[in-house]
C-alpha atoms as a PDB file:
ATOM      1  CA  MET A   1      -0.410   4.028 -21.117  1.00  0.00           C
ATOM      2  CA  GLU A   2      -0.619   7.734 -20.331  1.00  0.00           C
ATOM      3  CA  GLN A   3      -4.394   7.506 -19.981  1.00  0.00           C
ATOM      4  CA  GLU A   4      -3.986   4.666 -17.475  1.00  0.00           C
ATOM      5  CA  ARG A   5      -1.454   6.687 -15.492  1.00  0.00           C
ATOM      6  CA  ARG A   6      -3.821   9.679 -15.369  1.00  0.00           C
ATOM      7  CA  ARG A   7      -6.605   7.391 -14.147  1.00  0.00           C
ATOM      8  CA  HIS A   8      -4.410   5.986 -11.374  1.00  0.00           C
ATOM      9  CA  GLU A   9      -3.211   9.453 -10.418  1.00  0.00           C
ATOM     10  CA  ALA A  10      -6.797  10.742 -10.231  1.00  0.00           C
ATOM     11  CA  GLY A  11      -7.753   7.810  -8.013  1.00  0.00           C
ATOM     12  CA  LEU A  12      -4.818   8.432  -5.687  1.00  0.00           C
ATOM     13  CA  ASN A  13      -5.627  12.132  -5.464  1.00  0.00           C
ATOM     14  CA  GLU A  14      -9.252  11.332  -4.613  1.00  0.00           C
ATOM     15  CA  LEU A  15      -8.104   8.902  -1.940  1.00  0.00           C
ATOM     16  CA  MET A  16      -5.787  11.540  -0.500  1.00  0.00           C
ATOM     17  CA  ARG A  17      -8.596  14.106  -0.360  1.00  0.00           C
ATOM     18  CA  GLY A  18     -10.723  11.600   1.549  1.00  0.00           C
ATOM     19  CA  VAL A  19      -7.933  10.872   4.024  1.00  0.00           C
ATOM     20  CA  ALA A  20      -7.235  14.581   4.516  1.00  0.00           C
ATOM     21  CA  GLY A  21     -10.950  15.202   5.072  1.00  0.00           C
ATOM     22  CA  LYS A  22     -11.123  12.539   7.770  1.00  0.00           C
ATOM     23  CA  LEU A  23      -7.871  13.509   9.503  1.00  0.00           C
ATOM     24  CA  GLY A  24      -8.274  17.262   9.306  1.00  0.00           C
ATOM     25  CA  LYS A  25      -5.788  19.914   8.210  1.00  0.00           C
ATOM     26  CA  ASP A  26      -3.711  19.854  11.405  1.00  0.00           C
ATOM     27  CA  ALA A  27      -3.090  16.097  11.327  1.00  0.00           C
ATOM     28  CA  THR A  28      -2.516  16.048   7.578  1.00  0.00           C
ATOM     29  CA  GLY A  29      -0.058  18.939   7.864  1.00  0.00           C
ATOM     30  CA  TYR A  30       1.798  17.232  10.701  1.00  0.00           C
ATOM     31  CA  LEU A  31       1.957  13.815   9.026  1.00  0.00           C
ATOM     32  CA  ASN A  32       2.760  15.287   5.599  1.00  0.00           C
ATOM     33  CA  PRO A  33       1.756  12.160   3.632  1.00  0.00           C
ATOM     34  CA  ARG A  34       3.103  11.935   0.095  1.00  0.00           C
ATOM     35  CA  LEU A  35       1.947   9.864  -2.848  1.00  0.00           C
ATOM     36  CA  HIS A  36       4.297   8.319  -5.378  1.00  0.00           C
ATOM     37  CA  LEU A  37       3.152   6.746  -8.614  1.00  0.00           C
ATOM     38  CA  VAL A  38       6.040   4.841 -10.184  1.00  0.00           C
ATOM     39  CA  LYS A  39       6.124   2.511 -13.148  1.00  0.00           C
ATOM     40  CA  GLY A  40       7.478  -1.000 -12.764  1.00  0.00           C
ATOM     41  CA  TRP A  41       7.165  -4.120 -10.637  1.00  0.00           C
ATOM     42  CA  ALA A  42       5.928  -3.378  -7.109  1.00  0.00           C
ATOM     43  CA  ARG A  43       8.349  -5.944  -5.633  1.00  0.00           C
ATOM     44  CA  LYS A  44      11.264  -3.947  -7.044  1.00  0.00           C
ATOM     45  CA  GLU A  45      10.084  -0.336  -7.169  1.00  0.00           C
ATOM     46  CA  ILE A  46       8.496   0.029  -3.700  1.00  0.00           C
ATOM     47  CA  PRO A  47      11.612  -1.073  -1.755  1.00  0.00           C
ATOM     48  CA  ALA A  48      13.830   1.116  -3.968  1.00  0.00           C
ATOM     49  CA  LEU A  49      11.610   4.169  -3.430  1.00  0.00           C
ATOM     50  CA  ALA A  50      11.344   3.496   0.325  1.00  0.00           C
ATOM     51  CA  LYS A  51      15.132   3.457   0.594  1.00  0.00           C
ATOM     52  CA  GLN A  52      15.525   6.556  -1.586  1.00  0.00           C
ATOM     53  CA  LEU A  53      13.025   8.492   0.553  1.00  0.00           C
ATOM     54  CA  ALA A  54      14.143   7.014   3.895  1.00  0.00           C
ATOM     55  CA  ALA A  55      10.445   6.249   4.446  1.00  0.00           C
ATOM     56  CA  ASP A  56       9.090   5.816   7.962  1.00  0.00           C
ATOM     57  CA  VAL A  57       6.097   3.749   6.887  1.00  0.00           C
ATOM     58  CA  ILE A  58       4.614   2.273   3.718  1.00  0.00           C
ATOM     59  CA  VAL A  59       0.859   1.809   3.421  1.00  0.00           C
ATOM     60  CA  MET A  60      -0.193  -0.818   0.904  1.00  0.00           C
ATOM     61  CA  GLY A  61      -3.228  -2.827  -0.005  1.00  0.00           C
ATOM     62  CA  THR A  62      -3.078  -6.614   0.118  1.00  0.00           C
ATOM     63  CA  VAL A  63      -5.500  -9.418  -0.717  1.00  0.00           C
ATOM     64  CA  ALA A  64      -3.640 -12.595   0.358  1.00  0.00           C
ATOM     65  CA  ARG A  65      -4.172 -14.882  -2.604  1.00  0.00           C
ATOM     66  CA  THR A  66      -1.861 -17.902  -2.603  1.00  0.00           C
ATOM     67  CA  GLY A  67       0.687 -19.927  -0.674  1.00  0.00           C
ATOM     68  CA  ILE A  68       1.941 -19.636   2.888  1.00  0.00           C
ATOM     69  CA  PRO A  69       3.064 -15.977   2.513  1.00  0.00           C
ATOM     70  CA  GLY A  70      -0.337 -15.219   0.992  1.00  0.00           C
ATOM     71  CA  PHE A  71      -2.018 -16.803   3.990  1.00  0.00           C
ATOM     72  CA  ILE A  72      -0.984 -13.881   6.178  1.00  0.00           C
ATOM     73  CA  MET A  73      -0.727 -10.774   4.032  1.00  0.00           C
ATOM     74  CA  GLY A  74      -0.219 -11.388   0.333  1.00  0.00           C
ATOM     75  CA  ASN A  75       2.762 -12.515  -1.697  1.00  0.00           C
ATOM     76  CA  THR A  76       3.812  -9.096  -3.010  1.00  0.00           C
ATOM     77  CA  ALA A  77       3.525  -7.439   0.403  1.00  0.00           C
ATOM     78  CA  GLU A  78       5.521 -10.294   1.950  1.00  0.00           C
ATOM     79  CA  THR A  79       8.263  -9.935  -0.665  1.00  0.00           C
ATOM     80  CA  ILE A  80       8.413  -6.177  -0.110  1.00  0.00           C
ATOM     81  CA  LEU A  81       8.472  -6.594   3.667  1.00  0.00           C
ATOM     82  CA  ASN A  82      11.616  -8.719   3.384  1.00  0.00           C
ATOM     83  CA  GLN A  83      13.423  -5.930   1.472  1.00  0.00           C
ATOM     84  CA  ILE A  84      12.710  -2.833   3.578  1.00  0.00           C
ATOM     85  CA  ASP A  85      13.704  -1.408   6.944  1.00  0.00           C
ATOM     86  CA  CYS A  86      10.599   0.668   7.687  1.00  0.00           C
ATOM     87  CA  SER A  87       7.153  -0.162   9.036  1.00  0.00           C
ATOM     88  CA  VAL A  88       4.357  -1.422   6.775  1.00  0.00           C
ATOM     89  CA  LEU A  89       0.634  -0.933   7.219  1.00  0.00           C
ATOM     90  CA  ALA A  90      -1.144  -3.572   5.102  1.00  0.00           C
ATOM     91  CA  ILE A  91      -4.828  -2.921   4.442  1.00  0.00           C
ATOM     92  CA  LYS A  92      -7.367  -5.430   3.148  1.00  0.00           C
ATOM     93  CA  PRO A  93      -9.928  -4.141   0.632  1.00  0.00           C
ATOM     94  CA  PRO A  94     -13.538  -3.529   1.728  1.00  0.00           C
ATOM     95  CA  GLY A  95     -15.536  -6.749   1.687  1.00  0.00           C
ATOM     96  CA  PHE A  96     -12.450  -8.968   1.801  1.00  0.00           C
ATOM     97  CA  GLU A  97     -13.179 -12.433   3.150  1.00  0.00           C
ATOM     98  CA  THR A  98     -10.384 -14.810   3.988  1.00  0.00           C
ATOM     99  CA  PRO A  99     -10.377 -18.124   2.116  1.00  0.00           C
ATOM    100  CA  VAL A 100      -9.228 -19.793   5.346  1.00  0.00           C
ATOM    101  CA  SER A 101     -11.888 -21.552   7.419  1.00  0.00           C
ATOM    102  CA  VAL A 102     -11.865 -23.201  10.819  1.00  0.00           C
ATOM    103  CA  ILE A 103     -12.620 -26.911  10.854  1.00  0.00           C
ATOM    104  CA  ASP A 104     -14.478 -28.096  13.934  1.00  0.00           C
END
């Protein structure tokens, strides 16, 4: 478990370095983004942490897998959205292709 946590933490830190490199020191300093790596179910832990921190925005990945909620943004993101009072920025992974097609 601890090895998995260290791997996730290293990945988040690398992501943060990339974001800071693209934004620059002034923007990063102004925005003051913070990372939180908590253990538990995302549907429960993310809303609890958002409330505890009085978060302005939550950025989360989403892949939209199943059902009507999944059609738009993903089931977990949809569940979280219904429990929080702040903004959410949902990001699809690189190469994501929607399973929805237009019928002519």
